[in-house]
C-alpha atoms as a PDB file:
ATOM      1  CA  MET A   1       0.000   0.000   0.000  1.00  0.00           C
ATOM      2  CA  ASN A   2       1.416   3.392  -0.931  1.00  0.00           C
ATOM      3  CA  THR A   3       1.903   6.354   1.402  1.00  0.00           C
ATOM      4  CA  LEU A   4      -1.177   8.177   0.138  1.00  0.00           C
ATOM      5  CA  SER A   5      -3.343   5.129   0.823  1.00  0.00           C
ATOM      6  CA  VAL A   6      -2.049   4.989   4.376  1.00  0.00           C
ATOM      7  CA  ARG A   7      -2.620   8.716   4.894  1.00  0.00           C
ATOM      8  CA  LEU A   8      -6.191   8.537   3.585  1.00  0.00           C
ATOM      9  CA  GLN A   9      -6.996   6.058   6.348  1.00  0.00           C
ATOM     10  CA  ASP A  10      -5.639   8.365   9.054  1.00  0.00           C
ATOM     11  CA  LEU A  11      -8.719   9.743  10.755  1.00  0.00           C
ATOM     12  CA  ASN A  12      -6.748  12.554  12.368  1.00  0.00           C
ATOM     13  CA  GLU A  13      -5.469  13.865   9.027  1.00  0.00           C
ATOM     14  CA  ALA A  14      -8.837  13.833   7.258  1.00  0.00           C
ATOM     15  CA  GLY A  15      -9.975  17.302   6.257  1.00  0.00           C
ATOM     16  CA  VAL A  16     -10.433  19.806   3.460  1.00  0.00           C
ATOM     17  CA  TYR A  17      -7.310  20.345   1.353  1.00  0.00           C
ATOM     18  CA  ARG A  18      -5.923  21.471  -1.968  1.00  0.00           C
ATOM     19  CA  LEU A  19      -4.861  18.304  -3.830  1.00  0.00           C
ATOM     20  CA  ASN A  20      -1.081  18.239  -4.205  1.00  0.00           C
ATOM     21  CA  CYS A  21      -0.614  14.974  -6.063  1.00  0.00           C
ATOM     22  CA  PRO A  22      -1.637  13.725  -9.500  1.00  0.00           C
ATOM     23  CA  LEU A  23      -5.344  12.964  -9.777  1.00  0.00           C
ATOM     24  CA  ASP A  24      -4.652   9.406 -10.893  1.00  0.00           C
ATOM     25  CA  ASP A  25      -2.571   8.798  -7.751  1.00  0.00           C
ATOM     26  CA  LEU A  26      -5.524   9.852  -5.622  1.00  0.00           C
ATOM     27  CA  ARG A  27      -7.923   7.619  -7.547  1.00  0.00           C
ATOM     28  CA  VAL A  28      -5.597   4.619  -7.131  1.00  0.00           C
ATOM     29  CA  ALA A  29      -5.163   5.271  -3.401  1.00  0.00           C
ATOM     30  CA  VAL A  30      -8.925   5.644  -2.878  1.00  0.00           C
ATOM     31  CA  ALA A  31      -9.533   2.352  -4.683  1.00  0.00           C
ATOM     32  CA  GLN A  32      -6.824   0.610  -2.636  1.00  0.00           C
ATOM     33  CA  VAL A  33      -8.494   1.518   0.651  1.00  0.00           C
ATOM     34  CA  GLY A  34     -12.042   0.942  -0.618  1.00  0.00           C
ATOM     35  CA  PHE A  35     -13.308   4.460   0.049  1.00  0.00           C
ATOM     36  CA  ALA A  36     -16.226   5.939  -1.863  1.00  0.00           C
ATOM     37  CA  LEU A  37     -15.006   8.582  -4.316  1.00  0.00           C
ATOM     38  CA  PHE A  38     -17.305  11.393  -5.415  1.00  0.00           C
ATOM     39  CA  GLU A  39     -15.992  13.634  -8.186  1.00  0.00           C
ATOM     40  CA  THR A  40     -17.562  16.854  -9.351  1.00  0.00           C
ATOM     41  CA  GLU A  41     -16.664  19.357 -12.023  1.00  0.00           C
ATOM     42  CA  LEU A  42     -17.017  22.964 -10.839  1.00  0.00           C
ATOM     43  CA  GLY A  43     -15.582  24.741 -13.895  1.00  0.00           C
ATOM     44  CA  ALA A  44     -19.000  25.971 -15.016  1.00  0.00           C
ATOM     45  CA  VAL A  45     -20.247  26.787 -11.496  1.00  0.00           C
ATOM     46  CA  HIS A  46     -20.809  30.480 -10.792  1.00  0.00           C
ATOM     47  CA  ASN A  47     -23.278  30.474  -7.913  1.00  0.00           C
ATOM     48  CA  LYS A  48     -24.749  28.613  -4.962  1.00  0.00           C
ATOM     49  CA  GLY A  49     -27.365  26.773  -7.041  1.00  0.00           C
ATOM     50  CA  GLY A  50     -24.776  25.483  -9.477  1.00  0.00           C
ATOM     51  CA  PHE A  51     -22.499  24.357  -6.665  1.00  0.00           C
ATOM     52  CA  LEU A  52     -25.294  22.563  -4.815  1.00  0.00           C
ATOM     53  CA  THR A  53     -26.456  20.834  -7.990  1.00  0.00           C
ATOM     54  CA  ALA A  54     -22.924  19.744  -8.911  1.00  0.00           C
ATOM     55  CA  VAL A  55     -22.184  18.289  -5.478  1.00  0.00           C
ATOM     56  CA  ALA A  56     -25.613  16.633  -5.195  1.00  0.00           C
ATOM     57  CA  GLN A  57     -25.044  14.925  -8.545  1.00  0.00           C
ATOM     58  CA  ALA A  58     -21.537  13.849  -7.539  1.00  0.00           C
ATOM     59  CA  ILE A  59     -22.678  12.219  -4.305  1.00  0.00           C
ATOM     60  CA  HIS A  60     -25.768  10.780  -6.012  1.00  0.00           C
ATOM     61  CA  ALA A  61     -28.041  12.509  -3.516  1.00  0.00           C
ATOM     62  CA  PRO A  62     -31.560  11.112  -3.313  1.00  0.00           C
ATOM     63  CA  SER A  63     -34.171  12.625  -5.615  1.00  0.00           C
ATOM     64  CA  GLY A  64     -35.693  14.647  -2.765  1.00  0.00           C
ATOM     65  CA  PHE A  65     -32.508  16.701  -2.331  1.00  0.00           C
ATOM     66  CA  GLY A  66     -33.651  20.203  -1.352  1.00  0.00           C
ATOM     67  CA  ASN A  67     -30.928  22.142  -3.207  1.00  0.00           C
ATOM     68  CA  ASN A  68     -30.098  24.310  -0.189  1.00  0.00           C
ATOM     69  CA  TRP A  69     -27.278  24.420   2.367  1.00  0.00           C
ATOM     70  CA  ASP A  70     -29.174  22.383   4.968  1.00  0.00           C
ATOM     71  CA  ALA A  71     -29.893  19.668   2.413  1.00  0.00           C
ATOM     72  CA  LEU A  72     -26.216  19.535   1.458  1.00  0.00           C
ATOM     73  CA  ALA A  73     -25.142  19.228   5.096  1.00  0.00           C
ATOM     74  CA  ASP A  74     -27.713  16.486   5.695  1.00  0.00           C
ATOM     75  CA  ALA A  75     -26.739  14.569   2.563  1.00  0.00           C
ATOM     76  CA  LEU A  76     -23.006  14.718   3.305  1.00  0.00           C
ATOM     77  CA  GLY A  77     -23.729  13.451   6.811  1.00  0.00           C
ATOM     78  CA  ASP A  78     -25.620  10.406   5.543  1.00  0.00           C
ATOM     79  CA  LEU A  79     -24.190   8.932   2.312  1.00  0.00           C
ATOM     80  CA  SER A  80     -25.886   5.586   3.057  1.00  0.00           C
ATOM     81  CA  TRP A  81     -26.998   5.358  -0.573  1.00  0.00           C
ATOM     82  CA  SER A  82     -23.307   5.057  -1.533  1.00  0.00           C
ATOM     83  CA  ASP A  83     -22.984   1.722   0.282  1.00  0.00           C
ATOM     84  CA  VAL A  84     -21.545  -1.016  -1.892  1.00  0.00           C
ATOM     85  CA  SER A  85     -23.227  -4.415  -1.683  1.00  0.00           C
ATOM     86  CA  GLY A  86     -24.985  -3.315   1.484  1.00  0.00           C
ATOM     87  CA  GLN A  87     -21.690  -2.463   3.165  1.00  0.00           C
ATOM     88  CA  PRO A  88     -20.879   1.104   4.192  1.00  0.00           C
ATOM     89  CA  ALA A  89     -17.682   2.554   2.789  1.00  0.00           C
ATOM     90  CA  PRO A  90     -14.809   2.768   5.296  1.00  0.00           C
ATOM     91  CA  GLY A  91     -14.300   6.413   4.267  1.00  0.00           C
ATOM     92  CA  TYR A  92     -15.216   9.070   1.737  1.00  0.00           C
ATOM     93  CA  VAL A  93     -13.414  11.389  -0.660  1.00  0.00           C
ATOM     94  CA  LEU A  94     -15.107  14.353  -2.329  1.00  0.00           C
ATOM     95  CA  LEU A  95     -13.086  15.708  -5.236  1.00  0.00           C
ATOM     96  CA  LEU A  96     -13.985  19.264  -6.286  1.00  0.00           C
ATOM     97  CA  ARG A  97     -12.347  19.852  -9.660  1.00  0.00           C
ATOM     98  CA  ASN A  98     -11.700  23.096 -11.530  1.00  0.00           C
ATOM     99  CA  GLY A  99     -13.541  25.419  -9.179  1.00  0.00           C
ATOM    100  CA  GLY A 100     -10.511  27.421  -8.135  1.00  0.00           C
ATOM    101  CA  GLU A 101     -10.080  28.646  -4.590  1.00  0.00           C
ATOM    102  CA  ALA A 102     -13.641  30.002  -4.545  1.00  0.00           C
ATOM    103  CA  MET A 103     -15.181  26.777  -5.932  1.00  0.00           C
ATOM    104  CA  GLY A 104     -17.274  28.986  -8.228  1.00  0.00           C
ATOM    105  CA  LEU A 105     -18.960  30.709  -5.298  1.00  0.00           C
ATOM    106  CA  PRO A 106     -19.222  34.313  -4.102  1.00  0.00           C
ATOM    107  CA  ALA A 107     -17.422  34.962  -0.795  1.00  0.00           C
ATOM    108  CA  ALA A 108     -20.429  34.592   1.522  1.00  0.00           C
ATOM    109  CA  ASP A 109     -21.460  31.287  -0.060  1.00  0.00           C
ATOM    110  CA  LEU A 110     -17.865  30.072  -0.054  1.00  0.00           C
ATOM    111  CA  ASN A 111     -17.768  30.581   3.713  1.00  0.00           C
ATOM    112  CA  VAL A 112     -20.931  28.515   4.148  1.00  0.00           C
ATOM    113  CA  ALA A 113     -19.716  25.728   1.843  1.00  0.00           C
ATOM    114  CA  THR A 114     -16.333  25.616   3.579  1.00  0.00           C
ATOM    115  CA  LYS A 115     -18.003  25.368   6.988  1.00  0.00           C
ATOM    116  CA  ILE A 116     -20.288  22.576   5.786  1.00  0.00           C
ATOM    117  CA  LEU A 117     -17.293  20.623   4.478  1.00  0.00           C
ATOM    118  CA  ALA A 118     -15.383  21.139   7.747  1.00  0.00           C
ATOM    119  CA  ASP A 119     -18.436  20.108   9.783  1.00  0.00           C
ATOM    120  CA  THR A 120     -18.821  17.024   7.575  1.00  0.00           C
ATOM    121  CA  VAL A 121     -15.208  16.042   8.270  1.00  0.00           C
ATOM    122  CA  SER A 122     -15.825  16.461  12.002  1.00  0.00           C
ATOM    123  CA  PHE A 123     -19.054  14.476  11.907  1.00  0.00           C
ATOM    124  CA  TRP A 124     -17.501  11.530  10.104  1.00  0.00           C
ATOM    125  CA  LYS A 125     -14.580  11.533  12.536  1.00  0.00           C
ATOM    126  CA  THR A 126     -17.099  10.926  15.337  1.00  0.00           C
ATOM    127  CA  GLN A 127     -18.274   7.926  13.311  1.00  0.00           C
ATOM    128  CA  GLY A 128     -14.711   6.627  12.981  1.00  0.00           C
ATOM    129  CA  LYS A 129     -14.588   7.266   9.232  1.00  0.00           C
ATOM    130  CA  PRO A 130     -12.307   9.628   7.334  1.00  0.00           C
ATOM    131  CA  PHE A 131     -14.012  12.168   5.081  1.00  0.00           C
ATOM    132  CA  TRP A 132     -11.756  14.100   2.747  1.00  0.00           C
ATOM    133  CA  ALA A 133     -12.584  16.996   0.448  1.00  0.00           C
ATOM    134  CA  PHE A 134      -9.951  17.947  -2.119  1.00  0.00           C
ATOM    135  CA  ARG A 135      -9.937  20.989  -4.387  1.00  0.00           C
ATOM    136  CA  CYS A 136      -7.968  20.634  -7.575  1.00  0.00           C
END
């Protein structure tokens, strides 16, 4: 198992980061540890609605997704629909591609999204599962 695979399993290191390795290396490491990987393209996102839609699609949120901040927080804190063969994933990685530092959001919305991601990391730590969000 490579170093990245080992680090992904470290509950204490899990968090929200800028990706500093090749995308393919991350995908291989995620597969090695059996985590669920959710990838979203943010290049065309320019507002809250676009961001929420992109992330909801990436995580395969249920059809009743409310397309608001509370719905995003609730969905990221559940993810039970991403179980494979009835087994929950041992961890999660959300990959936010091409959104830049602002993830396509105005400053106020960026603050809310960043807090939701940080709270999601904290929640999953209490469940003993790493949750990672990477911007690239």
